[in-house]
Amino acid sequence: MELQKIEIDEIGETENQCPSDVFLQIIKGKCKTTLIVLIKKGRNRFGELRRTLPTISERMLAKQLEELVKDGILTRQSFGEVPPRVEYYLTDYGETIYPIIKEMRKWGYLHIERQISSEYDIKKI
């Protein structure tokens, strides 16, 4: 699938759907951006993801992974083994979202540091 080349600065007379909202709908969810990063880094088995993210329930993890597969960001590979083994991988389409998520997470960490710093400054007063 080839993506259309779209002039980002151009907005027509009317815009029926905000592209940023579409993007946010895809990544909105419990730990979705973290899941994408973990899978990109090679932690692609369900059990590994579950252990890495202890704050997310098994049911919620399965739901988030299912949504990312449905949206074409991930692919799910099931092996016919006992015990069952399932692995997730970024699709070519999913690879296009990774740099955006990486930068978004970087900004998030900067914002967390800023909040901690400003709370510290307020407490000093």
C-alpha atoms as a PDB file:
ATOM      1  CA  MET A   1       0.000   0.000   0.000  1.00  0.00           C
ATOM      2  CA  GLU A   2       1.412   3.355  -1.042  1.00  0.00           C
ATOM      3  CA  LEU A   3       0.504   6.367   1.043  1.00  0.00           C
ATOM      4  CA  GLN A   4      -0.711   9.482  -0.694  1.00  0.00           C
ATOM      5  CA  LYS A   5       1.641  12.434  -0.616  1.00  0.00           C
ATOM      6  CA  ILE A   6      -0.347  15.082   1.192  1.00  0.00           C
ATOM      7  CA  GLU A   7       0.660  18.711   1.646  1.00  0.00           C
ATOM      8  CA  ILE A   8       0.405  19.042   5.420  1.00  0.00           C
ATOM      9  CA  ASP A   9       0.212  22.838   5.475  1.00  0.00           C
ATOM     10  CA  GLU A  10      -2.753  22.916   3.096  1.00  0.00           C
ATOM     11  CA  ILE A  11      -6.280  22.878   4.401  1.00  0.00           C
ATOM     12  CA  GLY A  12      -9.081  23.049   1.895  1.00  0.00           C
ATOM     13  CA  GLU A  13     -12.221  25.132   2.099  1.00  0.00           C
ATOM     14  CA  THR A  14     -13.714  22.531   4.407  1.00  0.00           C
ATOM     15  CA  GLU A  15     -12.141  19.774   6.415  1.00  0.00           C
ATOM     16  CA  ASN A  16     -14.603  17.067   7.376  1.00  0.00           C
ATOM     17  CA  GLN A  17     -12.181  15.067   9.490  1.00  0.00           C
ATOM     18  CA  CYS A  18      -9.210  16.311  11.481  1.00  0.00           C
ATOM     19  CA  PRO A  19      -6.175  14.120  10.597  1.00  0.00           C
ATOM     20  CA  SER A  20      -4.675  14.648  14.054  1.00  0.00           C
ATOM     21  CA  ASP A  21      -7.844  13.307  15.668  1.00  0.00           C
ATOM     22  CA  VAL A  22      -7.654  10.233  13.437  1.00  0.00           C
ATOM     23  CA  PHE A  23      -4.051   9.667  14.563  1.00  0.00           C
ATOM     24  CA  LEU A  24      -4.969  10.094  18.229  1.00  0.00           C
ATOM     25  CA  GLN A  25      -7.855   7.611  17.888  1.00  0.00           C
ATOM     26  CA  ILE A  26      -5.373   4.960  16.737  1.00  0.00           C
ATOM     27  CA  ILE A  27      -2.897   5.441  19.596  1.00  0.00           C
ATOM     28  CA  LYS A  28      -5.435   6.246  22.316  1.00  0.00           C
ATOM     29  CA  GLY A  29      -5.635   3.440  24.820  1.00  0.00           C
ATOM     30  CA  LYS A  30      -3.886   1.943  27.798  1.00  0.00           C
ATOM     31  CA  CYS A  31      -0.141   1.699  27.020  1.00  0.00           C
ATOM     32  CA  LYS A  32      -0.559   1.507  23.226  1.00  0.00           C
ATOM     33  CA  THR A  33       2.470   3.679  22.517  1.00  0.00           C
ATOM     34  CA  THR A  34       4.562   1.679  24.999  1.00  0.00           C
ATOM     35  CA  LEU A  35       3.408  -1.548  23.347  1.00  0.00           C
ATOM     36  CA  ILE A  36       4.495  -0.267  19.946  1.00  0.00           C
ATOM     37  CA  VAL A  37       7.939   0.690  21.303  1.00  0.00           C
ATOM     38  CA  LEU A  38       8.375  -2.647  23.107  1.00  0.00           C
ATOM     39  CA  ILE A  39       7.406  -4.626  20.014  1.00  0.00           C
ATOM     40  CA  LYS A  40       9.737  -2.529  17.859  1.00  0.00           C
ATOM     41  CA  LYS A  41      12.554  -3.301  20.322  1.00  0.00           C
ATOM     42  CA  GLY A  42      11.888  -7.056  20.074  1.00  0.00           C
ATOM     43  CA  ARG A  43       9.663  -7.773  23.076  1.00  0.00           C
ATOM     44  CA  ASN A  44       6.954  -9.274  20.972  1.00  0.00           C
ATOM     45  CA  ARG A  45       5.529 -12.198  22.926  1.00  0.00           C
ATOM     46  CA  PHE A  46       2.374 -11.727  24.965  1.00  0.00           C
ATOM     47  CA  GLY A  47       3.997 -13.000  28.192  1.00  0.00           C
ATOM     48  CA  GLU A  48       6.973 -10.640  27.818  1.00  0.00           C
ATOM     49  CA  LEU A  49       4.672  -7.687  27.278  1.00  0.00           C
ATOM     50  CA  ARG A  50       2.559  -8.691  30.285  1.00  0.00           C
ATOM     51  CA  ARG A  51       5.616  -8.900  32.573  1.00  0.00           C
ATOM     52  CA  THR A  52       6.984  -5.592  31.303  1.00  0.00           C
ATOM     53  CA  LEU A  53       3.699  -3.781  31.955  1.00  0.00           C
ATOM     54  CA  PRO A  54       2.493  -4.915  35.388  1.00  0.00           C
ATOM     55  CA  THR A  55      -0.033  -2.054  35.629  1.00  0.00           C
ATOM     56  CA  ILE A  56      -2.154  -3.355  32.737  1.00  0.00           C
ATOM     57  CA  SER A  57      -4.456  -6.333  33.145  1.00  0.00           C
ATOM     58  CA  GLU A  58      -4.141  -9.341  30.866  1.00  0.00           C
ATOM     59  CA  ARG A  59      -7.586  -8.617  29.437  1.00  0.00           C
ATOM     60  CA  MET A  60      -6.735  -4.966  28.712  1.00  0.00           C
ATOM     61  CA  LEU A  61      -3.391  -5.942  27.145  1.00  0.00           C
ATOM     62  CA  ALA A  62      -5.159  -8.391  24.830  1.00  0.00           C
ATOM     63  CA  LYS A  63      -7.715  -5.705  23.902  1.00  0.00           C
ATOM     64  CA  GLN A  64      -5.046  -3.103  23.075  1.00  0.00           C
ATOM     65  CA  LEU A  65      -3.058  -5.584  20.976  1.00  0.00           C
ATOM     66  CA  GLU A  66      -6.248  -6.653  19.188  1.00  0.00           C
ATOM     67  CA  GLU A  67      -7.063  -3.020  18.335  1.00  0.00           C
ATOM     68  CA  LEU A  68      -3.541  -2.386  17.012  1.00  0.00           C
ATOM     69  CA  VAL A  69      -3.841  -5.494  14.822  1.00  0.00           C
ATOM     70  CA  LYS A  70      -7.294  -4.365  13.591  1.00  0.00           C
ATOM     71  CA  ASP A  71      -5.881  -0.922  12.714  1.00  0.00           C
ATOM     72  CA  GLY A  72      -3.049  -2.494  10.703  1.00  0.00           C
ATOM     73  CA  ILE A  73      -0.281  -1.312  13.042  1.00  0.00           C
ATOM     74  CA  LEU A  74       0.651  -4.814  14.235  1.00  0.00           C
ATOM     75  CA  THR A  75       0.504  -8.286  12.821  1.00  0.00           C
ATOM     76  CA  ARG A  76      -0.166 -11.296  15.036  1.00  0.00           C
ATOM     77  CA  GLN A  77       1.590 -14.592  14.420  1.00  0.00           C
ATOM     78  CA  SER A  78       0.274 -17.684  16.171  1.00  0.00           C
ATOM     79  CA  PHE A  79       2.405 -20.816  16.372  1.00  0.00           C
ATOM     80  CA  GLY A  80       0.726 -24.205  16.618  1.00  0.00           C
ATOM     81  CA  GLU A  81       2.524 -25.137  19.813  1.00  0.00           C
ATOM     82  CA  VAL A  82       1.598 -26.259  23.287  1.00  0.00           C
ATOM     83  CA  PRO A  83       1.674 -24.129  25.359  1.00  0.00           C
ATOM     84  CA  PRO A  84       0.338 -21.614  22.834  1.00  0.00           C
ATOM     85  CA  ARG A  85       2.816 -19.059  21.542  1.00  0.00           C
ATOM     86  CA  VAL A  86       1.802 -15.775  19.929  1.00  0.00           C
ATOM     87  CA  GLU A  87       4.119 -13.025  18.706  1.00  0.00           C
ATOM     88  CA  TYR A  88       3.386  -9.518  17.487  1.00  0.00           C
ATOM     89  CA  TYR A  89       5.308  -7.495  14.931  1.00  0.00           C
ATOM     90  CA  LEU A  90       5.008  -4.002  13.492  1.00  0.00           C
ATOM     91  CA  THR A  91       3.631  -4.030   9.969  1.00  0.00           C
ATOM     92  CA  ASP A  92       5.219  -1.833   7.290  1.00  0.00           C
ATOM     93  CA  TYR A  93       2.357   0.563   7.965  1.00  0.00           C
ATOM     94  CA  GLY A  94       3.072   0.342  11.716  1.00  0.00           C
ATOM     95  CA  GLU A  95       6.713   1.250  11.076  1.00  0.00           C
ATOM     96  CA  THR A  96       5.511   4.626   9.748  1.00  0.00           C
ATOM     97  CA  ILE A  97       3.981   5.518  13.116  1.00  0.00           C
ATOM     98  CA  TYR A  98       7.027   4.541  15.192  1.00  0.00           C
ATOM     99  CA  PRO A  99       9.110   7.747  14.675  1.00  0.00           C
ATOM    100  CA  ILE A 100       6.102   9.868  15.641  1.00  0.00           C
ATOM    101  CA  ILE A 101       5.522   7.844  18.804  1.00  0.00           C
ATOM    102  CA  LYS A 102       9.212   7.992  19.685  1.00  0.00           C
ATOM    103  CA  GLU A 103       9.172  11.808  19.495  1.00  0.00           C
ATOM    104  CA  MET A 104       5.864  12.009  21.346  1.00  0.00           C
ATOM    105  CA  ARG A 105       7.243   9.887  24.195  1.00  0.00           C
ATOM    106  CA  LYS A 106      10.394  12.028  24.296  1.00  0.00           C
ATOM    107  CA  TRP A 107       8.223  15.133  24.706  1.00  0.00           C
ATOM    108  CA  GLY A 108       6.208  13.349  27.395  1.00  0.00           C
ATOM    109  CA  TYR A 109       9.361  12.652  29.411  1.00  0.00           C
ATOM    110  CA  LEU A 110      10.418  16.310  29.071  1.00  0.00           C
ATOM    111  CA  HIS A 111       6.994  17.395  30.298  1.00  0.00           C
ATOM    112  CA  ILE A 112       7.174  15.030  33.285  1.00  0.00           C
ATOM    113  CA  GLU A 113      10.581  16.477  34.217  1.00  0.00           C
ATOM    114  CA  ARG A 114       9.185  20.000  33.853  1.00  0.00           C
ATOM    115  CA  GLN A 115       6.241  19.187  36.123  1.00  0.00           C
ATOM    116  CA  ILE A 116       8.504  17.637  38.752  1.00  0.00           C
ATOM    117  CA  SER A 117      10.818  20.641  38.570  1.00  0.00           C
ATOM    118  CA  SER A 118       7.971  23.160  38.926  1.00  0.00           C
ATOM    119  CA  GLU A 119       6.481  21.204  41.857  1.00  0.00           C
ATOM    120  CA  TYR A 120       9.900  21.259  43.519  1.00  0.00           C
ATOM    121  CA  ASP A 121      10.176  25.026  42.943  1.00  0.00           C
ATOM    122  CA  ILE A 122       6.702  25.603  44.440  1.00  0.00           C
ATOM    123  CA  LYS A 123       7.570  23.570  47.547  1.00  0.00           C
ATOM    124  CA  LYS A 124      10.751  25.641  48.066  1.00  0.00           C
ATOM    125  CA  ILE A 125       8.707  28.833  48.417  1.00  0.00           C
END
